[in-house]
Amino acid sequence: MNYKTITRAAFGIFCALMISLGFLAWADYIGGATPFAHVEHPIYHNLTATDTTMATTPRDTTPTVEEVFEMAIDTLKQYEGFRAWRYRDTDGAWTIGYGHHMIDNYWRWNDSITEYSADTLLRSDLRARIQKVTEIYGLSDYRAISVALFIYNCGAGNYSSSTLKTLVDEGKPIDQEIIKWCHYTSGGVTRASDSLLMRRQFELFIYNMEDKKG
């Protein structure tokens, strides 16, 4: 086999590989599947949807605010899922990456995103929400992150008019109230969601860290 034959064979294999990858990307775009699997955060290990001990069990060492921020990023990635191609969210907005709404001009002519860029956007989105929570509601550190995560999922409007916000403002326990936000409506029927309950438990876990910091 001469050099030209080897080169042509290698080029043919390369082209076949590129076509296969292109087909997978197209299938993902059409089917709306999540192309990347995310490793479950250690905080969720051995936790069931009905387990509430995560939010109340004392820890020997309380994580720093920045460590909790990283935990929050990992959790959002797990629940939002990565989408390389833009899609319509449940509210009708064009969305991309890890739940980023495409409201800025940059995305007007861009239909896809890399996972690295999606991570950057997610961090920017969460930090912006934390900043707003701090400015509007006067919360800081762990509780600012907790409420920002809740708003990321449930919306600022729902939070601002909720009993949950009243309890937060009054400095009262929110343990029983926040876990009520684990329902969704589909086809006119309201159902409980284990996934949403897990999110509320995680937010409560972070919220209660404020009482443990030194």
N, C-alpha and C. Protein backbone atom coordinates (compact mmCIF):
# COMPACT_ATOMS: atom_id res chain seq x y z
N MET A 1 0.86 -1.19 0.00
CA MET A 1 0.00 0.00 0.00
C MET A 1 0.89 1.24 0.00
N ASN A 2 0.74 2.12 -1.02
CA ASN A 2 1.60 3.29 -1.11
C ASN A 2 1.09 4.44 -0.24
N TYR A 3 1.83 5.54 -0.24
CA TYR A 3 1.53 6.69 0.62
C TYR A 3 0.18 7.31 0.26
N LYS A 4 -0.10 7.45 -1.05
CA LYS A 4 -1.36 8.07 -1.48
C LYS A 4 -2.56 7.24 -1.02
N THR A 5 -2.43 5.92 -1.10
CA THR A 5 -3.53 5.05 -0.68
C THR A 5 -3.81 5.19 0.81
N ILE A 6 -2.72 5.22 1.60
CA ILE A 6 -2.86 5.38 3.06
C ILE A 6 -3.51 6.71 3.39
N THR A 7 -3.08 7.77 2.68
CA THR A 7 -3.62 9.11 2.93
C THR A 7 -5.10 9.17 2.61
N ARG A 8 -5.48 8.57 1.46
CA ARG A 8 -6.88 8.57 1.07
C ARG A 8 -7.73 7.78 2.07
N ALA A 9 -7.21 6.66 2.56
CA ALA A 9 -7.94 5.85 3.53
C ALA A 9 -8.14 6.61 4.84
N ALA A 10 -7.07 7.28 5.28
CA ALA A 10 -7.16 8.06 6.52
C ALA A 10 -8.16 9.20 6.37
N PHE A 11 -8.13 9.85 5.19
CA PHE A 11 -9.06 10.95 4.94
C PHE A 11 -10.51 10.45 4.91
N GLY A 12 -10.70 9.26 4.34
CA GLY A 12 -12.05 8.68 4.29
C GLY A 12 -12.58 8.39 5.68
N ILE A 13 -11.71 7.85 6.53
CA ILE A 13 -12.12 7.57 7.92
C ILE A 13 -12.47 8.86 8.65
N PHE A 14 -11.64 9.89 8.44
CA PHE A 14 -11.88 11.19 9.07
C PHE A 14 -13.24 11.76 8.64
N CYS A 15 -13.53 11.72 7.34
CA CYS A 15 -14.79 12.25 6.82
C CYS A 15 -15.99 11.48 7.40
N ALA A 16 -15.85 10.16 7.49
CA ALA A 16 -16.94 9.35 8.05
C ALA A 16 -17.19 9.71 9.50
N LEU A 17 -16.10 9.95 10.24
CA LEU A 17 -16.23 10.33 11.65
C LEU A 17 -16.94 11.66 11.78
N MET A 18 -16.56 12.64 10.95
CA MET A 18 -17.17 13.97 11.00
C MET A 18 -18.65 13.91 10.65
N ILE A 19 -18.99 13.09 9.66
CA ILE A 19 -20.40 12.94 9.27
C ILE A 19 -21.21 12.34 10.43
N SER A 20 -20.61 11.35 11.11
CA SER A 20 -21.29 10.71 12.24
C SER A 20 -21.54 11.69 13.36
N LEU A 21 -20.50 12.49 13.67
CA LEU A 21 -20.64 13.49 14.73
C LEU A 21 -21.66 14.54 14.35
N GLY A 22 -21.67 14.92 13.08
CA GLY A 22 -22.65 15.90 12.61
C GLY A 22 -24.06 15.36 12.73
N PHE A 23 -24.24 14.09 12.41
CA PHE A 23 -25.57 13.49 12.53
C PHE A 23 -26.03 13.45 13.98
N LEU A 24 -25.10 13.13 14.90
CA LEU A 24 -25.47 13.10 16.32
C LEU A 24 -25.87 14.47 16.82
N ALA A 25 -25.14 15.50 16.38
CA ALA A 25 -25.49 16.86 16.78
C ALA A 25 -26.85 17.24 16.23
N TRP A 26 -27.13 16.86 14.98
CA TRP A 26 -28.43 17.17 14.37
C TRP A 26 -29.55 16.45 15.11
N ALA A 27 -29.30 15.18 15.47
CA ALA A 27 -30.31 14.41 16.18
C ALA A 27 -30.59 15.02 17.54
N ASP A 28 -29.54 15.51 18.19
CA ASP A 28 -29.72 16.17 19.48
C ASP A 28 -30.56 17.42 19.33
N TYR A 29 -30.30 18.20 18.28
CA TYR A 29 -31.05 19.44 18.05
C TYR A 29 -32.51 19.15 17.81
N ILE A 30 -32.79 18.11 17.02
CA ILE A 30 -34.17 17.78 16.71
C ILE A 30 -34.88 17.19 17.93
N GLY A 31 -34.19 16.29 18.63
CA GLY A 31 -34.82 15.58 19.72
C GLY A 31 -34.80 16.31 21.04
N GLY A 32 -33.98 17.36 21.15
CA GLY A 32 -33.93 18.11 22.40
C GLY A 32 -33.28 17.35 23.53
N ALA A 33 -32.40 16.39 23.20
CA ALA A 33 -31.76 15.60 24.23
C ALA A 33 -30.60 16.37 24.83
N THR A 34 -30.19 15.99 26.03
CA THR A 34 -29.03 16.59 26.66
C THR A 34 -27.80 15.79 26.28
N PRO A 35 -26.83 16.40 25.54
CA PRO A 35 -25.72 15.65 25.00
C PRO A 35 -24.64 15.30 26.00
N PHE A 36 -24.64 15.93 27.18
CA PHE A 36 -23.61 15.65 28.16
C PHE A 36 -24.24 15.12 29.44
N ALA A 37 -23.64 14.06 29.96
CA ALA A 37 -24.11 13.55 31.25
C ALA A 37 -23.34 14.27 32.35
N HIS A 38 -24.02 14.61 33.44
CA HIS A 38 -23.39 15.33 34.53
C HIS A 38 -23.31 14.44 35.76
N VAL A 39 -22.16 14.48 36.42
CA VAL A 39 -21.94 13.67 37.60
C VAL A 39 -22.72 14.28 38.76
N GLU A 40 -23.41 13.44 39.49
CA GLU A 40 -24.21 13.91 40.61
C GLU A 40 -23.30 14.51 41.68
N HIS A 41 -23.69 15.66 42.22
CA HIS A 41 -22.89 16.31 43.25
C HIS A 41 -22.88 15.45 44.50
N PRO A 42 -21.72 15.37 45.19
CA PRO A 42 -21.62 14.53 46.38
C PRO A 42 -22.66 14.85 47.44
N ILE A 43 -23.16 16.08 47.46
CA ILE A 43 -24.11 16.47 48.50
C ILE A 43 -25.40 15.68 48.40
N TYR A 44 -25.67 15.09 47.22
CA TYR A 44 -26.91 14.36 47.02
C TYR A 44 -26.78 12.87 47.26
N HIS A 45 -25.59 12.41 47.55
CA HIS A 45 -25.40 10.98 47.74
C HIS A 45 -26.26 10.48 48.90
N ASN A 46 -26.92 9.36 48.68
CA ASN A 46 -27.75 8.71 49.68
C ASN A 46 -28.94 9.55 50.12
N LEU A 47 -29.34 10.52 49.31
CA LEU A 47 -30.48 11.37 49.65
C LEU A 47 -31.68 10.97 48.81
N THR A 48 -32.79 10.73 49.46
CA THR A 48 -34.02 10.42 48.74
C THR A 48 -34.90 11.64 48.70
N ALA A 49 -35.94 11.60 47.89
CA ALA A 49 -36.80 12.76 47.71
C ALA A 49 -37.57 13.10 48.98
N THR A 50 -37.71 12.15 49.89
CA THR A 50 -38.45 12.41 51.12
C THR A 50 -37.54 12.68 52.30
N ASP A 51 -36.23 12.72 52.05
CA ASP A 51 -35.26 12.93 53.12
C ASP A 51 -35.09 14.42 53.38
N THR A 52 -35.28 14.86 54.60
CA THR A 52 -35.11 16.28 54.93
C THR A 52 -33.93 16.49 55.86
N THR A 53 -33.15 15.45 56.15
CA THR A 53 -32.05 15.59 57.09
C THR A 53 -30.92 16.42 56.51
N MET A 54 -30.83 16.50 55.20
CA MET A 54 -29.75 17.27 54.58
C MET A 54 -29.78 18.72 55.03
N ALA A 55 -30.99 19.26 55.22
CA ALA A 55 -31.13 20.67 55.55
C ALA A 55 -30.92 20.94 57.04
N THR A 56 -30.87 19.91 57.87
CA THR A 56 -30.82 20.15 59.31
C THR A 56 -29.63 19.51 59.99
N THR A 57 -28.96 18.56 59.33
CA THR A 57 -27.84 17.86 59.96
C THR A 57 -26.64 18.78 60.10
N PRO A 58 -26.10 18.96 61.34
CA PRO A 58 -24.95 19.85 61.53
C PRO A 58 -23.72 19.31 60.81
N ARG A 59 -22.85 20.22 60.41
CA ARG A 59 -21.59 19.84 59.78
C ARG A 59 -20.45 20.29 60.69
N ASP A 60 -19.36 19.53 60.67
CA ASP A 60 -18.20 19.93 61.46
C ASP A 60 -17.58 21.21 60.92
N THR A 61 -17.59 21.35 59.61
CA THR A 61 -17.01 22.53 58.98
C THR A 61 -17.98 23.09 57.96
N THR A 62 -18.30 24.36 58.09
CA THR A 62 -19.20 25.01 57.15
C THR A 62 -18.41 25.45 55.93
N PRO A 63 -18.84 25.09 54.72
CA PRO A 63 -18.12 25.52 53.51
C PRO A 63 -18.10 27.04 53.40
N THR A 64 -17.10 27.56 52.72
CA THR A 64 -17.03 29.00 52.49
C THR A 64 -18.12 29.39 51.49
N VAL A 65 -18.38 30.68 51.41
CA VAL A 65 -19.39 31.18 50.48
C VAL A 65 -19.01 30.82 49.04
N GLU A 66 -17.73 30.93 48.71
CA GLU A 66 -17.31 30.61 47.35
C GLU A 66 -17.45 29.12 47.06
N GLU A 67 -17.19 28.28 48.06
CA GLU A 67 -17.39 26.84 47.89
C GLU A 67 -18.86 26.53 47.66
N VAL A 68 -19.73 27.22 48.38
CA VAL A 68 -21.17 27.02 48.20
C VAL A 68 -21.61 27.49 46.83
N PHE A 69 -21.00 28.58 46.36
CA PHE A 69 -21.31 29.05 45.00
C PHE A 69 -20.98 27.98 43.97
N GLU A 70 -19.83 27.32 44.13
CA GLU A 70 -19.45 26.25 43.21
C GLU A 70 -20.42 25.07 43.31
N MET A 71 -20.87 24.76 44.52
CA MET A 71 -21.87 23.72 44.70
C MET A 71 -23.16 24.09 43.98
N ALA A 72 -23.51 25.37 44.05
CA ALA A 72 -24.72 25.85 43.38
C ALA A 72 -24.60 25.72 41.86
N ILE A 73 -23.43 26.02 41.33
CA ILE A 73 -23.19 25.90 39.89
C ILE A 73 -23.34 24.44 39.47
N ASP A 74 -22.74 23.53 40.23
CA ASP A 74 -22.84 22.10 39.91
C ASP A 74 -24.29 21.63 39.93
N THR A 75 -25.03 22.13 40.91
CA THR A 75 -26.44 21.72 41.05
C THR A 75 -27.27 22.25 39.89
N LEU A 76 -27.07 23.51 39.51
CA LEU A 76 -27.80 24.07 38.37
C LEU A 76 -27.48 23.31 37.09
N LYS A 77 -26.24 22.94 36.91
CA LYS A 77 -25.87 22.17 35.72
C LYS A 77 -26.62 20.84 35.70
N GLN A 78 -26.73 20.22 36.87
CA GLN A 78 -27.39 18.92 36.94
C GLN A 78 -28.86 19.04 36.57
N TYR A 79 -29.52 20.06 37.08
CA TYR A 79 -30.96 20.17 36.87
C TYR A 79 -31.33 20.86 35.57
N GLU A 80 -30.57 21.87 35.17
CA GLU A 80 -30.89 22.57 33.92
C GLU A 80 -30.50 21.74 32.71
N GLY A 81 -29.36 21.04 32.82
CA GLY A 81 -28.87 20.27 31.68
C GLY A 81 -28.26 21.18 30.64
N PHE A 82 -27.27 20.67 29.91
CA PHE A 82 -26.60 21.46 28.87
C PHE A 82 -27.25 21.25 27.52
N ARG A 83 -27.55 22.34 26.84
CA ARG A 83 -28.08 22.28 25.48
C ARG A 83 -27.15 23.09 24.57
N ALA A 84 -26.52 22.41 23.64
CA ALA A 84 -25.61 23.09 22.72
C ALA A 84 -26.36 23.95 21.71
N TRP A 85 -27.61 23.58 21.44
CA TRP A 85 -28.42 24.30 20.45
C TRP A 85 -29.56 25.04 21.15
N ARG A 86 -29.92 26.18 20.63
CA ARG A 86 -30.99 26.95 21.25
C ARG A 86 -32.32 26.18 21.17
N TYR A 87 -33.18 26.45 22.13
CA TYR A 87 -34.49 25.78 22.18
C TYR A 87 -35.49 26.71 22.87
N ARG A 88 -36.76 26.39 22.75
CA ARG A 88 -37.80 27.16 23.40
C ARG A 88 -38.01 26.63 24.82
N ASP A 89 -37.88 27.50 25.80
CA ASP A 89 -38.13 27.11 27.18
C ASP A 89 -39.65 27.02 27.40
N THR A 90 -40.05 26.57 28.58
CA THR A 90 -41.47 26.41 28.86
C THR A 90 -42.22 27.74 28.83
N ASP A 91 -41.49 28.84 29.05
CA ASP A 91 -42.13 30.16 28.99
C ASP A 91 -42.10 30.76 27.59
N GLY A 92 -41.59 30.00 26.63
CA GLY A 92 -41.56 30.45 25.25
C GLY A 92 -40.30 31.19 24.84
N ALA A 93 -39.40 31.47 25.79
CA ALA A 93 -38.19 32.23 25.48
C ALA A 93 -37.13 31.32 24.85
N TRP A 94 -36.39 31.90 23.89
CA TRP A 94 -35.27 31.16 23.34
C TRP A 94 -34.22 30.98 24.43
N THR A 95 -33.72 29.76 24.58
CA THR A 95 -32.82 29.42 25.68
C THR A 95 -31.67 28.59 25.13
N ILE A 96 -30.53 28.67 25.81
CA ILE A 96 -29.35 27.94 25.35
C ILE A 96 -28.44 27.65 26.53
N GLY A 97 -27.53 26.69 26.35
CA GLY A 97 -26.58 26.37 27.41
C GLY A 97 -27.27 25.76 28.61
N TYR A 98 -26.99 26.30 29.79
CA TYR A 98 -27.59 25.83 31.03
C TYR A 98 -28.75 26.75 31.43
N GLY A 99 -29.77 26.81 30.59
CA GLY A 99 -30.96 27.58 30.92
C GLY A 99 -30.81 29.07 30.73
N HIS A 100 -29.86 29.52 29.91
CA HIS A 100 -29.67 30.95 29.68
C HIS A 100 -30.66 31.47 28.64
N HIS A 101 -31.46 32.46 29.02
CA HIS A 101 -32.39 33.07 28.08
C HIS A 101 -31.65 34.01 27.14
N MET A 102 -31.89 33.84 25.87
CA MET A 102 -31.14 34.59 24.84
C MET A 102 -31.77 35.96 24.63
N ILE A 103 -31.53 36.86 25.57
CA ILE A 103 -32.13 38.19 25.50
C ILE A 103 -31.16 39.26 25.02
N ASP A 104 -29.89 38.94 24.96
CA ASP A 104 -28.91 39.93 24.51
C ASP A 104 -28.66 39.78 23.01
N ASN A 105 -28.13 40.85 22.43
CA ASN A 105 -27.95 40.89 20.97
C ASN A 105 -26.95 39.87 20.45
N TYR A 106 -26.00 39.47 21.31
CA TYR A 106 -24.97 38.55 20.85
C TYR A 106 -25.57 37.26 20.32
N TRP A 107 -26.64 36.80 20.97
CA TRP A 107 -27.20 35.51 20.60
C TRP A 107 -28.22 35.58 19.48
N ARG A 108 -28.48 36.79 18.99
CA ARG A 108 -29.52 36.92 17.97
C ARG A 108 -29.21 36.08 16.74
N TRP A 109 -27.93 36.00 16.37
CA TRP A 109 -27.56 35.27 15.16
C TRP A 109 -26.76 34.01 15.49
N ASN A 110 -26.81 33.58 16.74
CA ASN A 110 -26.06 32.39 17.12
C ASN A 110 -27.02 31.33 17.66
N ASP A 111 -26.98 30.16 17.03
CA ASP A 111 -27.89 29.08 17.40
C ASP A 111 -27.24 28.03 18.29
N SER A 112 -25.91 28.09 18.47
CA SER A 112 -25.23 27.06 19.24
C SER A 112 -24.21 27.69 20.18
N ILE A 113 -23.74 26.86 21.13
CA ILE A 113 -22.80 27.34 22.13
C ILE A 113 -21.93 26.17 22.58
N THR A 114 -20.70 26.46 23.00
CA THR A 114 -19.84 25.42 23.54
C THR A 114 -20.15 25.26 25.04
N GLU A 115 -19.76 24.13 25.59
CA GLU A 115 -20.00 23.90 27.01
C GLU A 115 -19.20 24.88 27.87
N TYR A 116 -18.01 25.24 27.41
CA TYR A 116 -17.19 26.21 28.16
C TYR A 116 -17.89 27.56 28.23
N SER A 117 -18.40 28.03 27.09
CA SER A 117 -19.11 29.31 27.07
C SER A 117 -20.39 29.26 27.90
N ALA A 118 -21.06 28.11 27.87
CA ALA A 118 -22.28 27.94 28.66
C ALA A 118 -21.98 28.02 30.15
N ASP A 119 -20.85 27.47 30.56
CA ASP A 119 -20.43 27.54 31.96
C ASP A 119 -20.18 28.99 32.36
N THR A 120 -19.53 29.75 31.49
CA THR A 120 -19.26 31.16 31.75
C THR A 120 -20.56 31.94 31.90
N LEU A 121 -21.52 31.68 31.01
CA LEU A 121 -22.81 32.35 31.08
C LEU A 121 -23.57 32.00 32.36
N LEU A 122 -23.52 30.73 32.73
CA LEU A 122 -24.22 30.29 33.93
C LEU A 122 -23.68 31.01 35.16
N ARG A 123 -22.37 31.10 35.26
CA ARG A 123 -21.76 31.79 36.39
C ARG A 123 -22.14 33.27 36.42
N SER A 124 -22.15 33.87 35.25
CA SER A 124 -22.55 35.27 35.15
C SER A 124 -24.01 35.46 35.55
N ASP A 125 -24.87 34.57 35.06
CA ASP A 125 -26.31 34.64 35.39
C ASP A 125 -26.55 34.51 36.89
N LEU A 126 -25.89 33.54 37.52
CA LEU A 126 -26.11 33.31 38.94
C LEU A 126 -25.56 34.46 39.78
N ARG A 127 -24.37 34.94 39.43
CA ARG A 127 -23.80 36.07 40.18
C ARG A 127 -24.68 37.31 40.05
N ALA A 128 -25.26 37.52 38.88
CA ALA A 128 -26.16 38.67 38.69
C ALA A 128 -27.39 38.54 39.57
N ARG A 129 -27.93 37.34 39.68
CA ARG A 129 -29.10 37.14 40.53
C ARG A 129 -28.75 37.32 42.00
N ILE A 130 -27.59 36.82 42.40
CA ILE A 130 -27.15 37.00 43.79
C ILE A 130 -27.01 38.49 44.11
N GLN A 131 -26.44 39.24 43.17
CA GLN A 131 -26.28 40.67 43.37
C GLN A 131 -27.63 41.37 43.52
N LYS A 132 -28.59 40.99 42.71
CA LYS A 132 -29.92 41.58 42.79
C LYS A 132 -30.61 41.24 44.11
N VAL A 133 -30.45 39.98 44.53
CA VAL A 133 -31.03 39.55 45.81
C VAL A 133 -30.43 40.37 46.95
N THR A 134 -29.13 40.62 46.88
CA THR A 134 -28.46 41.42 47.91
C THR A 134 -28.98 42.85 47.91
N GLU A 135 -29.12 43.42 46.71
CA GLU A 135 -29.55 44.82 46.61
C GLU A 135 -31.02 45.01 46.96
N ILE A 136 -31.87 44.11 46.50
CA ILE A 136 -33.32 44.29 46.67
C ILE A 136 -33.81 43.79 48.02
N TYR A 137 -33.31 42.63 48.47
CA TYR A 137 -33.85 42.00 49.67
C TYR A 137 -32.91 42.09 50.88
N GLY A 138 -31.73 42.65 50.68
CA GLY A 138 -30.82 42.84 51.80
C GLY A 138 -30.20 41.57 52.34
N LEU A 139 -30.17 40.51 51.54
CA LEU A 139 -29.57 39.25 51.97
C LEU A 139 -28.12 39.18 51.52
N SER A 140 -27.35 38.37 52.19
CA SER A 140 -25.94 38.22 51.82
C SER A 140 -25.48 36.79 52.05
N ASP A 141 -24.31 36.51 51.55
CA ASP A 141 -23.64 35.23 51.75
C ASP A 141 -24.54 34.04 51.40
N TYR A 142 -24.70 33.10 52.32
CA TYR A 142 -25.39 31.85 52.04
C TYR A 142 -26.86 32.07 51.67
N ARG A 143 -27.51 32.96 52.38
CA ARG A 143 -28.93 33.18 52.11
C ARG A 143 -29.16 33.89 50.78
N ALA A 144 -28.23 34.72 50.39
CA ALA A 144 -28.34 35.35 49.07
C ALA A 144 -28.24 34.30 47.98
N ILE A 145 -27.32 33.35 48.13
CA ILE A 145 -27.18 32.27 47.15
C ILE A 145 -28.43 31.40 47.14
N SER A 146 -28.94 31.07 48.33
CA SER A 146 -30.12 30.22 48.42
C SER A 146 -31.32 30.84 47.72
N VAL A 147 -31.60 32.10 48.01
CA VAL A 147 -32.75 32.77 47.40
C VAL A 147 -32.52 32.97 45.90
N ALA A 148 -31.29 33.24 45.50
CA ALA A 148 -30.98 33.40 44.08
C ALA A 148 -31.25 32.09 43.33
N LEU A 149 -30.92 30.96 43.93
CA LEU A 149 -31.20 29.66 43.31
C LEU A 149 -32.70 29.44 43.19
N PHE A 150 -33.44 29.81 44.22
CA PHE A 150 -34.89 29.67 44.18
C PHE A 150 -35.47 30.51 43.05
N ILE A 151 -35.00 31.75 42.94
CA ILE A 151 -35.49 32.65 41.90
C ILE A 151 -35.08 32.15 40.51
N TYR A 152 -33.90 31.56 40.40
CA TYR A 152 -33.45 31.01 39.12
C TYR A 152 -34.44 29.99 38.59
N ASN A 153 -35.04 29.23 39.50
CA ASN A 153 -35.97 28.18 39.12
C ASN A 153 -37.42 28.65 39.08
N CYS A 154 -37.84 29.42 40.08
CA CYS A 154 -39.25 29.77 40.24
C CYS A 154 -39.61 31.17 39.77
N GLY A 155 -38.62 32.03 39.60
CA GLY A 155 -38.89 33.37 39.12
C GLY A 155 -38.97 34.41 40.23
N ALA A 156 -38.52 35.63 39.92
CA ALA A 156 -38.51 36.71 40.91
C ALA A 156 -39.92 37.12 41.30
N GLY A 157 -40.85 37.10 40.34
CA GLY A 157 -42.22 37.49 40.62
C GLY A 157 -42.88 36.57 41.63
N ASN A 158 -42.69 35.27 41.46
CA ASN A 158 -43.26 34.31 42.40
C ASN A 158 -42.67 34.48 43.79
N TYR A 159 -41.36 34.74 43.85
CA TYR A 159 -40.73 34.91 45.16
C TYR A 159 -41.23 36.17 45.85
N SER A 160 -41.30 37.27 45.12
CA SER A 160 -41.63 38.56 45.74
C SER A 160 -43.03 38.60 46.33
N SER A 161 -43.93 37.74 45.84
CA SER A 161 -45.31 37.73 46.33
C SER A 161 -45.61 36.52 47.21
N SER A 162 -44.57 35.83 47.65
CA SER A 162 -44.76 34.56 48.35
C SER A 162 -44.70 34.69 49.88
N THR A 163 -45.29 33.71 50.54
CA THR A 163 -45.16 33.59 52.00
C THR A 163 -43.71 33.30 52.37
N LEU A 164 -43.00 32.62 51.47
CA LEU A 164 -41.59 32.33 51.70
C LEU A 164 -40.81 33.61 51.91
N LYS A 165 -41.02 34.60 51.06
CA LYS A 165 -40.32 35.88 51.20
C LYS A 165 -40.67 36.55 52.53
N THR A 166 -41.93 36.47 52.93
CA THR A 166 -42.35 37.06 54.20
C THR A 166 -41.58 36.45 55.36
N LEU A 167 -41.43 35.13 55.34
CA LEU A 167 -40.70 34.44 56.40
C LEU A 167 -39.22 34.84 56.39
N VAL A 168 -38.66 34.95 55.20
CA VAL A 168 -37.26 35.36 55.08
C VAL A 168 -37.09 36.76 55.64
N ASP A 169 -37.99 37.67 55.26
CA ASP A 169 -37.91 39.07 55.72
C ASP A 169 -38.01 39.17 57.24
N GLU A 170 -38.83 38.29 57.81
CA GLU A 170 -39.05 38.33 59.26
C GLU A 170 -38.04 37.51 60.05
N GLY A 171 -37.12 36.85 59.33
CA GLY A 171 -36.10 36.06 59.99
C GLY A 171 -36.63 34.80 60.64
N LYS A 172 -37.74 34.29 60.13
CA LYS A 172 -38.35 33.09 60.68
C LYS A 172 -37.91 31.85 59.89
N PRO A 173 -38.02 30.66 60.47
CA PRO A 173 -37.65 29.42 59.76
C PRO A 173 -38.48 29.25 58.48
N ILE A 174 -37.84 28.76 57.45
CA ILE A 174 -38.53 28.56 56.17
C ILE A 174 -38.64 27.09 55.80
N ASP A 175 -38.24 26.21 56.73
CA ASP A 175 -38.13 24.78 56.42
C ASP A 175 -39.40 24.19 55.83
N GLN A 176 -40.54 24.48 56.43
CA GLN A 176 -41.78 23.88 55.97
C GLN A 176 -42.36 24.59 54.75
N GLU A 177 -42.04 25.87 54.62
CA GLU A 177 -42.63 26.65 53.53
C GLU A 177 -41.94 26.40 52.19
N ILE A 178 -40.61 26.37 52.19
CA ILE A 178 -39.89 26.28 50.91
C ILE A 178 -40.15 24.95 50.21
N ILE A 179 -40.35 23.88 50.98
CA ILE A 179 -40.54 22.58 50.32
C ILE A 179 -41.94 22.44 49.72
N LYS A 180 -42.81 23.43 49.96
CA LYS A 180 -44.11 23.41 49.31
C LYS A 180 -43.98 23.72 47.82
N TRP A 181 -42.86 24.33 47.45
CA TRP A 181 -42.64 24.74 46.05
C TRP A 181 -42.04 23.59 45.25
N CYS A 182 -42.71 22.47 45.23
CA CYS A 182 -42.20 21.30 44.53
C CYS A 182 -43.24 20.73 43.57
N HIS A 183 -44.16 21.60 43.12
CA HIS A 183 -45.22 21.16 42.23
C HIS A 183 -45.13 21.86 40.87
N TYR A 184 -45.64 21.22 39.86
CA TYR A 184 -45.72 21.81 38.53
C TYR A 184 -47.06 21.43 37.92
N THR A 185 -47.49 22.22 36.95
CA THR A 185 -48.77 21.97 36.29
C THR A 185 -48.54 21.59 34.84
N SER A 186 -49.14 20.51 34.43
CA SER A 186 -49.03 20.04 33.06
C SER A 186 -50.40 19.55 32.60
N GLY A 187 -50.88 20.12 31.50
CA GLY A 187 -52.19 19.72 30.98
C GLY A 187 -53.32 20.02 31.94
N GLY A 188 -53.14 21.07 32.73
CA GLY A 188 -54.18 21.44 33.69
C GLY A 188 -54.17 20.64 34.98
N VAL A 189 -53.20 19.73 35.11
CA VAL A 189 -53.10 18.89 36.30
C VAL A 189 -51.84 19.25 37.08
N THR A 190 -51.98 19.47 38.38
CA THR A 190 -50.85 19.81 39.24
C THR A 190 -50.27 18.54 39.85
N ARG A 191 -48.96 18.39 39.73
CA ARG A 191 -48.29 17.19 40.23
C ARG A 191 -47.09 17.57 41.09
N ALA A 192 -46.75 16.70 42.02
CA ALA A 192 -45.55 16.88 42.83
C ALA A 192 -44.35 16.34 42.06
N SER A 193 -43.21 16.98 42.23
CA SER A 193 -42.00 16.57 41.53
C SER A 193 -40.89 16.28 42.53
N ASP A 194 -40.35 15.06 42.46
CA ASP A 194 -39.22 14.71 43.33
C ASP A 194 -38.01 15.59 43.02
N SER A 195 -37.81 15.89 41.74
CA SER A 195 -36.69 16.72 41.33
C SER A 195 -36.79 18.12 41.92
N LEU A 196 -37.97 18.71 41.87
CA LEU A 196 -38.17 20.04 42.46
C LEU A 196 -38.01 20.01 43.97
N LEU A 197 -38.46 18.94 44.60
CA LEU A 197 -38.29 18.81 46.04
C LEU A 197 -36.82 18.77 46.40
N MET A 198 -36.03 18.06 45.62
CA MET A 198 -34.59 18.00 45.85
C MET A 198 -33.96 19.39 45.73
N ARG A 199 -34.43 20.17 44.76
CA ARG A 199 -33.90 21.53 44.60
C ARG A 199 -34.22 22.38 45.81
N ARG A 200 -35.47 22.27 46.29
CA ARG A 200 -35.87 23.06 47.46
C ARG A 200 -35.06 22.63 48.70
N GLN A 201 -34.79 21.35 48.84
CA GLN A 201 -34.01 20.88 49.99
C GLN A 201 -32.57 21.41 49.91
N PHE A 202 -32.04 21.46 48.73
CA PHE A 202 -30.68 21.98 48.56
C PHE A 202 -30.65 23.47 48.91
N GLU A 203 -31.64 24.22 48.45
CA GLU A 203 -31.71 25.65 48.76
C GLU A 203 -31.87 25.87 50.27
N LEU A 204 -32.67 25.03 50.91
CA LEU A 204 -32.84 25.11 52.36
C LEU A 204 -31.54 24.79 53.08
N PHE A 205 -30.84 23.78 52.60
CA PHE A 205 -29.54 23.40 53.16
C PHE A 205 -28.59 24.59 53.16
N ILE A 206 -28.52 25.30 52.05
CA ILE A 206 -27.65 26.47 51.96
C ILE A 206 -28.16 27.60 52.85
N TYR A 207 -29.46 27.82 52.83
CA TYR A 207 -30.06 28.90 53.62
C TYR A 207 -29.71 28.76 55.10
N ASN A 208 -29.79 27.54 55.62
CA ASN A 208 -29.54 27.30 57.03
C ASN A 208 -28.06 27.32 57.41
N MET A 209 -27.19 27.37 56.41
CA MET A 209 -25.76 27.52 56.70
C MET A 209 -25.46 28.85 57.37
N GLU A 210 -26.30 29.83 57.13
CA GLU A 210 -26.10 31.17 57.69
C GLU A 210 -26.06 31.11 59.23
N ASP A 211 -26.82 30.18 59.78
CA ASP A 211 -26.87 30.06 61.24
C ASP A 211 -25.66 29.36 61.80
N LYS A 212 -24.88 28.72 60.93
CA LYS A 212 -23.75 27.92 61.40
C LYS A 212 -22.41 28.62 61.21
N LYS A 213 -22.38 29.69 60.41
CA LYS A 213 -21.09 30.31 60.11
C LYS A 213 -20.54 31.01 61.37
N GLY A 214 -19.22 30.99 61.45
CA GLY A 214 -18.61 31.57 62.63
C GLY A 214 -18.41 33.07 62.54
